[in-house]
Amino acid sequence: PIDQSIDHLANGIFGMGTRRRARWTTATVMACAMMVMATVTVGGARAQTCEAGCAPEREARDAARRSATLARERDAIKSDYDGLTKDLERVRREAKEAVRAATARATA
């Protein structure tokens, strides 16, 4: 089956027809070897490019994700701070009113 596949590949590539067996000349073997080498080289180059290129992309995605998380946490803290500030202002107003009322009762 593997010989048949190779023959079929050679027939398709070099146009030798499917009815007769491909003649494996030196040029045919060299052409097939060069195609295999080119395929392996391109695959290896893609793997290296991915290793070299994917790491910075992954780091950039992770940094963006961390940045978004920190922004959400910052917004939540700011919201909590704003809420606490409003509560503190309300307590101060109530304390001032209580002091005024107590002072008014004491002087009356």
PDB file of N, CA and C in Angstrom:
ATOM      1  N   PRO A   1       0.816  -1.212   0.000  1.00  0.00           N
ATOM      2  CA  PRO A   1       0.000   0.000   0.000  1.00  0.00           C
ATOM      3  C   PRO A   1       0.856   1.273   0.000  1.00  0.00           C
ATOM      4  N   ILE A   2       1.982   1.256   0.736  1.00  0.00           N
ATOM      5  CA  ILE A   2       2.797   2.467   0.775  1.00  0.00           C
ATOM      6  C   ILE A   2       3.431   2.737  -0.580  1.00  0.00           C
ATOM      7  N   ASP A   3       3.869   1.649  -1.260  1.00  0.00           N
ATOM      8  CA  ASP A   3       4.431   1.826  -2.604  1.00  0.00           C
ATOM      9  C   ASP A   3       3.379   2.375  -3.551  1.00  0.00           C
ATOM     10  N   GLN A   4       2.175   1.877  -3.392  1.00  0.00           N
ATOM     11  CA  GLN A   4       1.080   2.338  -4.242  1.00  0.00           C
ATOM     12  C   GLN A   4       0.806   3.822  -3.984  1.00  0.00           C
ATOM     13  N   SER A   5       0.856   4.223  -2.708  1.00  0.00           N
ATOM     14  CA  SER A   5       0.628   5.623  -2.370  1.00  0.00           C
ATOM     15  C   SER A   5       1.721   6.501  -2.951  1.00  0.00           C
ATOM     16  N   ILE A   6       2.967   6.028  -2.849  1.00  0.00           N
ATOM     17  CA  ILE A   6       4.082   6.801  -3.396  1.00  0.00           C
ATOM     18  C   ILE A   6       3.943   6.917  -4.906  1.00  0.00           C
ATOM     19  N   ASP A   7       3.589   5.798  -5.545  1.00  0.00           N
ATOM     20  CA  ASP A   7       3.397   5.830  -6.997  1.00  0.00           C
ATOM     21  C   ASP A   7       2.275   6.791  -7.374  1.00  0.00           C
ATOM     22  N   HIS A   8       1.197   6.745  -6.614  1.00  0.00           N
ATOM     23  CA  HIS A   8       0.066   7.622  -6.893  1.00  0.00           C
ATOM     24  C   HIS A   8       0.486   9.084  -6.739  1.00  0.00           C
ATOM     25  N   LEU A   9       1.265   9.353  -5.687  1.00  0.00           N
ATOM     26  CA  LEU A   9       1.764  10.702  -5.457  1.00  0.00           C
ATOM     27  C   LEU A   9       2.639  11.145  -6.627  1.00  0.00           C
ATOM     28  N   ALA A  10       3.544  10.269  -7.028  1.00  0.00           N
ATOM     29  CA  ALA A  10       4.431  10.606  -8.146  1.00  0.00           C
ATOM     30  C   ALA A  10       3.635  10.801  -9.423  1.00  0.00           C
ATOM     31  N   ASN A  11       2.642   9.964  -9.647  1.00  0.00           N
ATOM     32  CA  ASN A  11       1.814  10.098 -10.847  1.00  0.00           C
ATOM     33  C   ASN A  11       1.088  11.436 -10.856  1.00  0.00           C
ATOM     34  N   GLY A  12       0.562  11.801  -9.715  1.00  0.00           N
ATOM     35  CA  GLY A  12      -0.161  13.062  -9.633  1.00  0.00           C
ATOM     36  C   GLY A  12       0.756  14.256  -9.770  1.00  0.00           C
ATOM     37  N   ILE A  13       1.925  14.175  -9.145  1.00  0.00           N
ATOM     38  CA  ILE A  13       2.835  15.317  -9.152  1.00  0.00           C
ATOM     39  C   ILE A  13       3.494  15.489 -10.513  1.00  0.00           C
ATOM     40  N   PHE A  14       4.006  14.404 -11.034  1.00  0.00           N
ATOM     41  CA  PHE A  14       4.817  14.503 -12.243  1.00  0.00           C
ATOM     42  C   PHE A  14       4.033  14.191 -13.506  1.00  0.00           C
ATOM     43  N   GLY A  15       2.730  13.939 -13.385  1.00  0.00           N
ATOM     44  CA  GLY A  15       1.884  13.726 -14.545  1.00  0.00           C
ATOM     45  C   GLY A  15       2.279  12.514 -15.372  1.00  0.00           C
ATOM     46  N   MET A  16       2.664  11.454 -14.711  1.00  0.00           N
ATOM     47  CA  MET A  16       3.100  10.264 -15.445  1.00  0.00           C
ATOM     48  C   MET A  16       1.939   9.343 -15.773  1.00  0.00           C
ATOM     49  N   GLY A  17       0.730   9.734 -15.396  1.00  0.00           N
ATOM     50  CA  GLY A  17      -0.424   8.891 -15.688  1.00  0.00           C
ATOM     51  C   GLY A  17      -0.613   7.854 -14.600  1.00  0.00           C
ATOM     52  N   THR A  18      -1.851   7.436 -14.401  1.00  0.00           N
ATOM     53  CA  THR A  18      -2.137   6.487 -13.327  1.00  0.00           C
ATOM     54  C   THR A  18      -2.096   5.051 -13.802  1.00  0.00           C
ATOM     55  N   ARG A  19      -2.096   4.833 -15.103  1.00  0.00           N
ATOM     56  CA  ARG A  19      -2.148   3.454 -15.599  1.00  0.00           C
ATOM     57  C   ARG A  19      -0.788   2.787 -15.605  1.00  0.00           C
ATOM     58  N   ARG A  20       0.241   3.531 -15.843  1.00  0.00           N
ATOM     59  CA  ARG A  20       1.555   2.887 -15.863  1.00  0.00           C
ATOM     60  C   ARG A  20       2.322   3.258 -14.605  1.00  0.00           C
ATOM     61  N   ARG A  21       3.233   2.417 -14.251  1.00  0.00           N
ATOM     62  CA  ARG A  21       4.010   2.616 -13.025  1.00  0.00           C
ATOM     63  C   ARG A  21       4.982   3.780 -13.238  1.00  0.00           C
ATOM     64  N   ALA A  22       5.128   4.583 -12.206  1.00  0.00           N
ATOM     65  CA  ALA A  22       6.024   5.727 -12.310  1.00  0.00           C
ATOM     66  C   ALA A  22       7.462   5.249 -12.448  1.00  0.00           C
ATOM     67  N   ARG A  23       8.205   5.931 -13.285  1.00  0.00           N
ATOM     68  CA  ARG A  23       9.624   5.592 -13.429  1.00  0.00           C
ATOM     69  C   ARG A  23      10.406   6.456 -12.457  1.00  0.00           C
ATOM     70  N   TRP A  24      11.057   5.794 -11.529  1.00  0.00           N
ATOM     71  CA  TRP A  24      11.781   6.514 -10.493  1.00  0.00           C
ATOM     72  C   TRP A  24      13.179   6.843 -10.992  1.00  0.00           C
ATOM     73  N   THR A  25      13.277   7.945 -11.693  1.00  0.00           N
ATOM     74  CA  THR A  25      14.580   8.412 -12.155  1.00  0.00           C
ATOM     75  C   THR A  25      15.230   9.198 -11.028  1.00  0.00           C
ATOM     76  N   THR A  26      16.474   9.521 -11.197  1.00  0.00           N
ATOM     77  CA  THR A  26      17.185  10.310 -10.188  1.00  0.00           C
ATOM     78  C   THR A  26      16.486  11.648  -9.975  1.00  0.00           C
ATOM     79  N   ALA A  27      16.037  12.255 -11.043  1.00  0.00           N
ATOM     80  CA  ALA A  27      15.359  13.552 -10.930  1.00  0.00           C
ATOM     81  C   ALA A  27      14.060  13.420 -10.141  1.00  0.00           C
ATOM     82  N   THR A  28      13.322  12.339 -10.358  1.00  0.00           N
ATOM     83  CA  THR A  28      12.062  12.124  -9.644  1.00  0.00           C
ATOM     84  C   THR A  28      12.320  11.951  -8.158  1.00  0.00           C
ATOM     85  N   VAL A  29      13.308  11.118  -7.832  1.00  0.00           N
ATOM     86  CA  VAL A  29      13.641  10.880  -6.423  1.00  0.00           C
ATOM     87  C   VAL A  29      14.116  12.172  -5.773  1.00  0.00           C
ATOM     88  N   MET A  30      14.949  12.930  -6.467  1.00  0.00           N
ATOM     89  CA  MET A  30      15.445  14.190  -5.913  1.00  0.00           C
ATOM     90  C   MET A  30      14.298  15.180  -5.702  1.00  0.00           C
ATOM     91  N   ALA A  31      13.380  15.233  -6.653  1.00  0.00           N
ATOM     92  CA  ALA A  31      12.247  16.153  -6.523  1.00  0.00           C
ATOM     93  C   ALA A  31      11.381  15.782  -5.322  1.00  0.00           C
ATOM     94  N   CYS A  32      11.130  14.481  -5.154  1.00  0.00           N
ATOM     95  CA  CYS A  32      10.338  14.037  -3.996  1.00  0.00           C
ATOM     96  C   CYS A  32      11.071  14.346  -2.700  1.00  0.00           C
ATOM     97  N   ALA A  33      12.375  14.082  -2.686  1.00  0.00           N
ATOM     98  CA  ALA A  33      13.160  14.355  -1.484  1.00  0.00           C
ATOM     99  C   ALA A  33      13.147  15.845  -1.159  1.00  0.00           C
ATOM    100  N   MET A  34      13.251  16.678  -2.187  1.00  0.00           N
ATOM    101  CA  MET A  34      13.228  18.122  -1.952  1.00  0.00           C
ATOM    102  C   MET A  34      11.873  18.572  -1.422  1.00  0.00           C
ATOM    103  N   MET A  35      10.801  17.972  -1.939  1.00  0.00           N
ATOM    104  CA  MET A  35       9.468  18.326  -1.439  1.00  0.00           C
ATOM    105  C   MET A  35       9.314  17.941   0.022  1.00  0.00           C
ATOM    106  N   VAL A  36       9.794  16.739   0.365  1.00  0.00           N
ATOM    107  CA  VAL A  36       9.706  16.290   1.757  1.00  0.00           C
ATOM    108  C   VAL A  36      10.529  17.207   2.647  1.00  0.00           C
ATOM    109  N   MET A  37      11.742  17.546   2.207  1.00  0.00           N
ATOM    110  CA  MET A  37      12.605  18.426   3.000  1.00  0.00           C
ATOM    111  C   MET A  37      11.954  19.798   3.177  1.00  0.00           C
ATOM    112  N   ALA A  38      11.368  20.313   2.108  1.00  0.00           N
ATOM    113  CA  ALA A  38      10.718  21.621   2.190  1.00  0.00           C
ATOM    114  C   ALA A  38       9.547  21.580   3.157  1.00  0.00           C
ATOM    115  N   THR A  39       8.779  20.501   3.101  1.00  0.00           N
ATOM    116  CA  THR A  39       7.633  20.365   4.010  1.00  0.00           C
ATOM    117  C   THR A  39       8.104  20.311   5.453  1.00  0.00           C
ATOM    118  N   VAL A  40       9.139  19.517   5.715  1.00  0.00           N
ATOM    119  CA  VAL A  40       9.667  19.398   7.080  1.00  0.00           C
ATOM    120  C   VAL A  40      10.241  20.730   7.536  1.00  0.00           C
ATOM    121  N   THR A  41      10.965  21.409   6.646  1.00  0.00           N
ATOM    122  CA  THR A  41      11.568  22.695   6.999  1.00  0.00           C
ATOM    123  C   THR A  41      10.496  23.730   7.316  1.00  0.00           C
ATOM    124  N   VAL A  42       9.473  23.795   6.479  1.00  0.00           N
ATOM    125  CA  VAL A  42       8.391  24.754   6.726  1.00  0.00           C
ATOM    126  C   VAL A  42       7.685  24.420   8.029  1.00  0.00           C
ATOM    127  N   GLY A  43       7.441  23.126   8.264  1.00  0.00           N
ATOM    128  CA  GLY A  43       6.805  22.727   9.525  1.00  0.00           C
ATOM    129  C   GLY A  43       7.661  23.096  10.717  1.00  0.00           C
ATOM    130  N   GLY A  44       8.966  22.853  10.615  1.00  0.00           N
ATOM    131  CA  GLY A  44       9.872  23.220  11.707  1.00  0.00           C
ATOM    132  C   GLY A  44       9.931  24.717  11.909  1.00  0.00           C
ATOM    133  N   ALA A  45       9.953  25.455  10.807  1.00  0.00           N
ATOM    134  CA  ALA A  45       9.988  26.913  10.903  1.00  0.00           C
ATOM    135  C   ALA A  45       8.716  27.429  11.554  1.00  0.00           C
ATOM    136  N   ARG A  46       7.578  26.830  11.188  1.00  0.00           N
ATOM    137  CA  ARG A  46       6.316  27.249  11.815  1.00  0.00           C
ATOM    138  C   ARG A  46       6.341  26.951  13.302  1.00  0.00           C
ATOM    139  N   ALA A  47       6.869  25.777  13.676  1.00  0.00           N
ATOM    140  CA  ALA A  47       6.933  25.427  15.098  1.00  0.00           C
ATOM    141  C   ALA A  47       7.826  26.407  15.840  1.00  0.00           C
ATOM    142  N   GLN A  48       8.988  26.740  15.261  1.00  0.00           N
ATOM    143  CA  GLN A  48       9.881  27.686  15.917  1.00  0.00           C
ATOM    144  C   GLN A  48       9.257  29.068  15.979  1.00  0.00           C
ATOM    145  N   THR A  49       8.605  29.472  14.903  1.00  0.00           N
ATOM    146  CA  THR A  49       7.946  30.771  14.887  1.00  0.00           C
ATOM    147  C   THR A  49       6.862  30.819  15.951  1.00  0.00           C
ATOM    148  N   CYS A  50       6.134  29.717  16.076  1.00  0.00           N
ATOM    149  CA  CYS A  50       5.075  29.679  17.085  1.00  0.00           C
ATOM    150  C   CYS A  50       5.679  29.753  18.477  1.00  0.00           C
ATOM    151  N   GLU A  51       6.768  28.996  18.702  1.00  0.00           N
ATOM    152  CA  GLU A  51       7.397  29.037  20.019  1.00  0.00           C
ATOM    153  C   GLU A  51       7.911  30.433  20.318  1.00  0.00           C
ATOM    154  N   ALA A  52       8.550  31.046  19.318  1.00  0.00           N
ATOM    155  CA  ALA A  52       9.106  32.379  19.530  1.00  0.00           C
ATOM    156  C   ALA A  52       8.011  33.439  19.520  1.00  0.00           C
ATOM    157  N   GLY A  53       7.012  33.265  18.646  1.00  0.00           N
ATOM    158  CA  GLY A  53       5.985  34.285  18.491  1.00  0.00           C
ATOM    159  C   GLY A  53       4.834  34.152  19.458  1.00  0.00           C
ATOM    160  N   CYS A  54       4.514  32.925  19.847  1.00  0.00           N
ATOM    161  CA  CYS A  54       3.356  32.721  20.713  1.00  0.00           C
ATOM    162  C   CYS A  54       3.634  33.164  22.141  1.00  0.00           C
ATOM    163  N   ALA A  55       4.884  33.025  22.584  1.00  0.00           N
ATOM    164  CA  ALA A  55       5.198  33.403  23.965  1.00  0.00           C
ATOM    165  C   ALA A  55       4.923  34.885  24.205  1.00  0.00           C
ATOM    166  N   PRO A  56       5.412  35.790  23.363  1.00  0.00           N
ATOM    167  CA  PRO A  56       5.083  37.203  23.589  1.00  0.00           C
ATOM    168  C   PRO A  56       3.587  37.482  23.470  1.00  0.00           C
ATOM    169  N   GLU A  57       2.927  36.815  22.516  1.00  0.00           N
ATOM    170  CA  GLU A  57       1.481  37.008  22.382  1.00  0.00           C
ATOM    171  C   GLU A  57       0.766  36.535  23.637  1.00  0.00           C
ATOM    172  N   ARG A  58       1.193  35.373  24.156  1.00  0.00           N
ATOM    173  CA  ARG A  58       0.590  34.832  25.371  1.00  0.00           C
ATOM    174  C   ARG A  58       0.853  35.774  26.544  1.00  0.00           C
ATOM    175  N   GLU A  59       2.093  36.276  26.635  1.00  0.00           N
ATOM    176  CA  GLU A  59       2.416  37.212  27.709  1.00  0.00           C
ATOM    177  C   GLU A  59       1.595  38.490  27.580  1.00  0.00           C
ATOM    178  N   ALA A  60       1.408  38.958  26.359  1.00  0.00           N
ATOM    179  CA  ALA A  60       0.607  40.168  26.147  1.00  0.00           C
ATOM    180  C   ALA A  60      -0.845  39.930  26.548  1.00  0.00           C
ATOM    181  N   ARG A  61      -1.389  38.751  26.179  1.00  0.00           N
ATOM    182  CA  ARG A  61      -2.771  38.432  26.578  1.00  0.00           C
ATOM    183  C   ARG A  61      -2.876  38.345  28.095  1.00  0.00           C
ATOM    184  N   ASP A  62      -1.882  37.685  28.729  1.00  0.00           N
ATOM    185  CA  ASP A  62      -1.909  37.567  30.185  1.00  0.00           C
ATOM    186  C   ASP A  62      -1.806  38.941  30.843  1.00  0.00           C
ATOM    187  N   ALA A  63      -0.937  39.794  30.299  1.00  0.00           N
ATOM    188  CA  ALA A  63      -0.793  41.143  30.848  1.00  0.00           C
ATOM    189  C   ALA A  63      -2.089  41.931  30.683  1.00  0.00           C
ATOM    190  N   ALA A  64      -2.729  41.801  29.528  1.00  0.00           N
ATOM    191  CA  ALA A  64      -4.004  42.495  29.309  1.00  0.00           C
ATOM    192  C   ALA A  64      -5.071  41.979  30.265  1.00  0.00           C
ATOM    193  N   ARG A  65      -5.079  40.655  30.473  1.00  0.00           N
ATOM    194  CA  ARG A  65      -6.046  40.061  31.398  1.00  0.00           C
ATOM    195  C   ARG A  65      -5.791  40.561  32.826  1.00  0.00           C
ATOM    196  N   ARG A  66      -4.497  40.581  33.226  1.00  0.00           N
ATOM    197  CA  ARG A  66      -4.169  41.077  34.570  1.00  0.00           C
ATOM    198  C   ARG A  66      -4.534  42.545  34.699  1.00  0.00           C
ATOM    199  N   SER A  67      -4.268  43.320  33.642  1.00  0.00           N
ATOM    200  CA  SER A  67      -4.595  44.739  33.661  1.00  0.00           C
ATOM    201  C   SER A  67      -6.098  44.948  33.814  1.00  0.00           C
ATOM    202  N   ALA A  68      -6.879  44.161  33.078  1.00  0.00           N
ATOM    203  CA  ALA A  68      -8.339  44.271  33.181  1.00  0.00           C
ATOM    204  C   ALA A  68      -8.810  43.877  34.578  1.00  0.00           C
ATOM    205  N   THR A  69      -8.209  42.821  35.127  1.00  0.00           N
ATOM    206  CA  THR A  69      -8.575  42.391  36.480  1.00  0.00           C
ATOM    207  C   THR A  69      -8.237  43.479  37.490  1.00  0.00           C
ATOM    208  N   LEU A  70      -7.038  44.060  37.360  1.00  0.00           N
ATOM    209  CA  LEU A  70      -6.644  45.132  38.276  1.00  0.00           C
ATOM    210  C   LEU A  70      -7.548  46.352  38.120  1.00  0.00           C
ATOM    211  N   ALA A  71      -7.953  46.650  36.897  1.00  0.00           N
ATOM    212  CA  ALA A  71      -8.858  47.784  36.676  1.00  0.00           C
ATOM    213  C   ALA A  71     -10.204  47.537  37.351  1.00  0.00           C
ATOM    214  N   ARG A  72     -10.710  46.297  37.237  1.00  0.00           N
ATOM    215  CA  ARG A  72     -11.981  45.974  37.914  1.00  0.00           C
ATOM    216  C   ARG A  72     -11.823  46.074  39.427  1.00  0.00           C
ATOM    217  N   GLU A  73     -10.709  45.556  39.945  1.00  0.00           N
ATOM    218  CA  GLU A  73     -10.479  45.637  41.389  1.00  0.00           C
ATOM    219  C   GLU A  73     -10.351  47.089  41.830  1.00  0.00           C
ATOM    220  N   ARG A  74      -9.637  47.902  41.025  1.00  0.00           N
ATOM    221  CA  ARG A  74      -9.489  49.322  41.343  1.00  0.00           C
ATOM    222  C   ARG A  74     -10.852  50.004  41.366  1.00  0.00           C
ATOM    223  N   ASP A  75     -11.686  49.704  40.369  1.00  0.00           N
ATOM    224  CA  ASP A  75     -13.022  50.298  40.310  1.00  0.00           C
ATOM    225  C   ASP A  75     -13.862  49.874  41.514  1.00  0.00           C
ATOM    226  N   ALA A  76     -13.737  48.603  41.905  1.00  0.00           N
ATOM    227  CA  ALA A  76     -14.489  48.123  43.070  1.00  0.00           C
ATOM    228  C   ALA A  76     -14.011  48.824  44.337  1.00  0.00           C
ATOM    229  N   ILE A  77     -12.697  48.980  44.474  1.00  0.00           N
ATOM    230  CA  ILE A  77     -12.150  49.664  45.654  1.00  0.00           C
ATOM    231  C   ILE A  77     -12.590  51.122  45.661  1.00  0.00           C
ATOM    232  N   LYS A  78     -12.542  51.770  44.480  1.00  0.00           N
ATOM    233  CA  LYS A  78     -12.976  53.168  44.391  1.00  0.00           C
ATOM    234  C   LYS A  78     -14.449  53.290  44.758  1.00  0.00           C
ATOM    235  N   SER A  79     -15.255  52.352  44.282  1.00  0.00           N
ATOM    236  CA  SER A  79     -16.674  52.366  44.610  1.00  0.00           C
ATOM    237  C   SER A  79     -16.877  52.202  46.118  1.00  0.00           C
ATOM    238  N   ASP A  80     -16.131  51.250  46.706  1.00  0.00           N
ATOM    239  CA  ASP A  80     -16.216  51.063  48.160  1.00  0.00           C
ATOM    240  C   ASP A  80     -15.772  52.327  48.892  1.00  0.00           C
ATOM    241  N   TYR A  81     -14.685  52.936  48.415  1.00  0.00           N
ATOM    242  CA  TYR A  81     -14.177  54.157  49.038  1.00  0.00           C
ATOM    243  C   TYR A  81     -15.211  55.271  48.950  1.00  0.00           C
ATOM    244  N   ASP A  82     -15.814  55.427  47.754  1.00  0.00           N
ATOM    245  CA  ASP A  82     -16.839  56.460  47.591  1.00  0.00           C
ATOM    246  C   ASP A  82     -18.017  56.204  48.527  1.00  0.00           C
ATOM    247  N   GLY A  83     -18.420  54.939  48.638  1.00  0.00           N
ATOM    248  CA  GLY A  83     -19.516  54.597  49.547  1.00  0.00           C
ATOM    249  C   GLY A  83     -19.161  54.900  50.994  1.00  0.00           C
ATOM    250  N   LEU A  84     -17.938  54.545  51.387  1.00  0.00           N
ATOM    251  CA  LEU A  84     -17.500  54.824  52.761  1.00  0.00           C
ATOM    252  C   LEU A  84     -17.389  56.325  53.008  1.00  0.00           C
ATOM    253  N   THR A  85     -16.941  57.074  52.009  1.00  0.00           N
ATOM    254  CA  THR A  85     -16.844  58.532  52.144  1.00  0.00           C
ATOM    255  C   THR A  85     -18.231  59.137  52.350  1.00  0.00           C
ATOM    256  N   LYS A  86     -19.209  58.671  51.584  1.00  0.00           N
ATOM    257  CA  LYS A  86     -20.582  59.158  51.760  1.00  0.00           C
ATOM    258  C   LYS A  86     -21.107  58.806  53.144  1.00  0.00           C
ATOM    259  N   ASP A  87     -20.823  57.575  53.588  1.00  0.00           N
ATOM    260  CA  ASP A  87     -21.255  57.176  54.934  1.00  0.00           C
ATOM    261  C   ASP A  87     -20.598  58.056  55.992  1.00  0.00           C
ATOM    262  N   LEU A  88     -19.302  58.339  55.810  1.00  0.00           N
ATOM    263  CA  LEU A  88     -18.588  59.179  56.771  1.00  0.00           C
ATOM    264  C   LEU A  88     -19.169  60.587  56.798  1.00  0.00           C
ATOM    265  N   GLU A  89     -19.478  61.143  55.627  1.00  0.00           N
ATOM    266  CA  GLU A  89     -20.091  62.477  55.570  1.00  0.00           C
ATOM    267  C   GLU A  89     -21.442  62.479  56.273  1.00  0.00           C
ATOM    268  N   ARG A  90     -22.233  61.418  56.058  1.00  0.00           N
ATOM    269  CA  ARG A  90     -23.540  61.325  56.714  1.00  0.00           C
ATOM    270  C   ARG A  90     -23.374  61.249  58.229  1.00  0.00           C
ATOM    271  N   VAL A  91     -22.421  60.454  58.698  1.00  0.00           N
ATOM    272  CA  VAL A  91     -22.189  60.325  60.144  1.00  0.00           C
ATOM    273  C   VAL A  91     -21.718  61.655  60.721  1.00  0.00           C
ATOM    274  N   ARG A  92     -20.859  62.376  59.995  1.00  0.00           N
ATOM    275  CA  ARG A  92     -20.402  63.687  60.473  1.00  0.00           C
ATOM    276  C   ARG A  92     -21.575  64.659  60.598  1.00  0.00           C
ATOM    277  N   ARG A  93     -22.450  64.674  59.564  1.00  0.00           N
ATOM    278  CA  ARG A  93     -23.623  65.557  59.624  1.00  0.00           C
ATOM    279  C   ARG A  93     -24.495  65.213  60.828  1.00  0.00           C
ATOM    280  N   GLU A  94     -24.746  63.895  61.005  1.00  0.00           N
ATOM    281  CA  GLU A  94     -25.586  63.470  62.132  1.00  0.00           C
ATOM    282  C   GLU A  94     -24.937  63.835  63.458  1.00  0.00           C
ATOM    283  N   ALA A  95     -23.606  63.714  63.549  1.00  0.00           N
ATOM    284  CA  ALA A  95     -22.912  64.067  64.792  1.00  0.00           C
ATOM    285  C   ALA A  95     -23.013  65.566  65.058  1.00  0.00           C
ATOM    286  N   LYS A  96     -22.837  66.385  64.011  1.00  0.00           N
ATOM    287  CA  LYS A  96     -22.964  67.837  64.177  1.00  0.00           C
ATOM    288  C   LYS A  96     -24.373  68.204  64.630  1.00  0.00           C
ATOM    289  N   GLU A  97     -25.379  67.563  64.010  1.00  0.00           N
ATOM    290  CA  GLU A  97     -26.761  67.836  64.402  1.00  0.00           C
ATOM    291  C   GLU A  97     -27.004  67.411  65.846  1.00  0.00           C
ATOM    292  N   ALA A  98     -26.448  66.277  66.242  1.00  0.00           N
ATOM    293  CA  ALA A  98     -26.619  65.809  67.621  1.00  0.00           C
ATOM    294  C   ALA A  98     -25.944  66.766  68.599  1.00  0.00           C
ATOM    295  N   VAL A  99     -24.758  67.271  68.231  1.00  0.00           N
ATOM    296  CA  VAL A  99     -24.055  68.229  69.100  1.00  0.00           C
ATOM    297  C   VAL A  99     -24.860  69.520  69.199  1.00  0.00           C
ATOM    298  N   ARG A 100     -25.396  70.002  68.081  1.00  0.00           N
ATOM    299  CA  ARG A 100     -26.216  71.218  68.103  1.00  0.00           C
ATOM    300  C   ARG A 100     -27.455  71.032  68.978  1.00  0.00           C
ATOM    301  N   ALA A 101     -28.105  69.874  68.803  1.00  0.00           N
ATOM    302  CA  ALA A 101     -29.313  69.613  69.598  1.00  0.00           C
ATOM    303  C   ALA A 101     -28.968  69.538  71.080  1.00  0.00           C
ATOM    304  N   ALA A 102     -27.864  68.872  71.412  1.00  0.00           N
ATOM    305  CA  ALA A 102     -27.467  68.762  72.821  1.00  0.00           C
ATOM    306  C   ALA A 102     -27.088  70.129  73.376  1.00  0.00           C
ATOM    307  N   THR A 103     -26.408  70.934  72.564  1.00  0.00           N
ATOM    308  CA  THR A 103     -26.021  72.280  73.001  1.00  0.00           C
ATOM    309  C   THR A 103     -27.267  73.141  73.198  1.00  0.00           C
ATOM    310  N   ALA A 104     -28.242  73.020  72.302  1.00  0.00           N
ATOM    311  CA  ALA A 104     -29.476  73.804  72.420  1.00  0.00           C
ATOM    312  C   ALA A 104     -30.239  73.407  73.672  1.00  0.00           C
ATOM    313  N   ARG A 105     -30.266  72.111  73.988  1.00  0.00           N
ATOM    314  CA  ARG A 105     -30.961  71.668  75.203  1.00  0.00           C
ATOM    315  C   ARG A 105     -30.230  72.136  76.455  1.00  0.00           C
ATOM    316  N   ALA A 106     -28.910  72.126  76.407  1.00  0.00           N
ATOM    317  CA  ALA A 106     -28.128  72.515  77.585  1.00  0.00           C
ATOM    318  C   ALA A 106     -28.258  74.007  77.860  1.00  0.00           C
ATOM    319  N   THR A 107     -28.345  74.795  76.811  1.00  0.00           N
ATOM    320  CA  THR A 107     -28.443  76.242  77.013  1.00  0.00           C
ATOM    321  C   THR A 107     -29.877  76.692  77.272  1.00  0.00           C
ATOM    322  N   ALA A 108     -30.848  75.878  76.970  1.00  0.00           N
ATOM    323  CA  ALA A 108     -32.233  76.295  77.139  1.00  0.00           C
ATOM    324  C   ALA A 108     -32.726  76.148  78.546  1.00  0.00           C
TER     325      ALA A 108
END
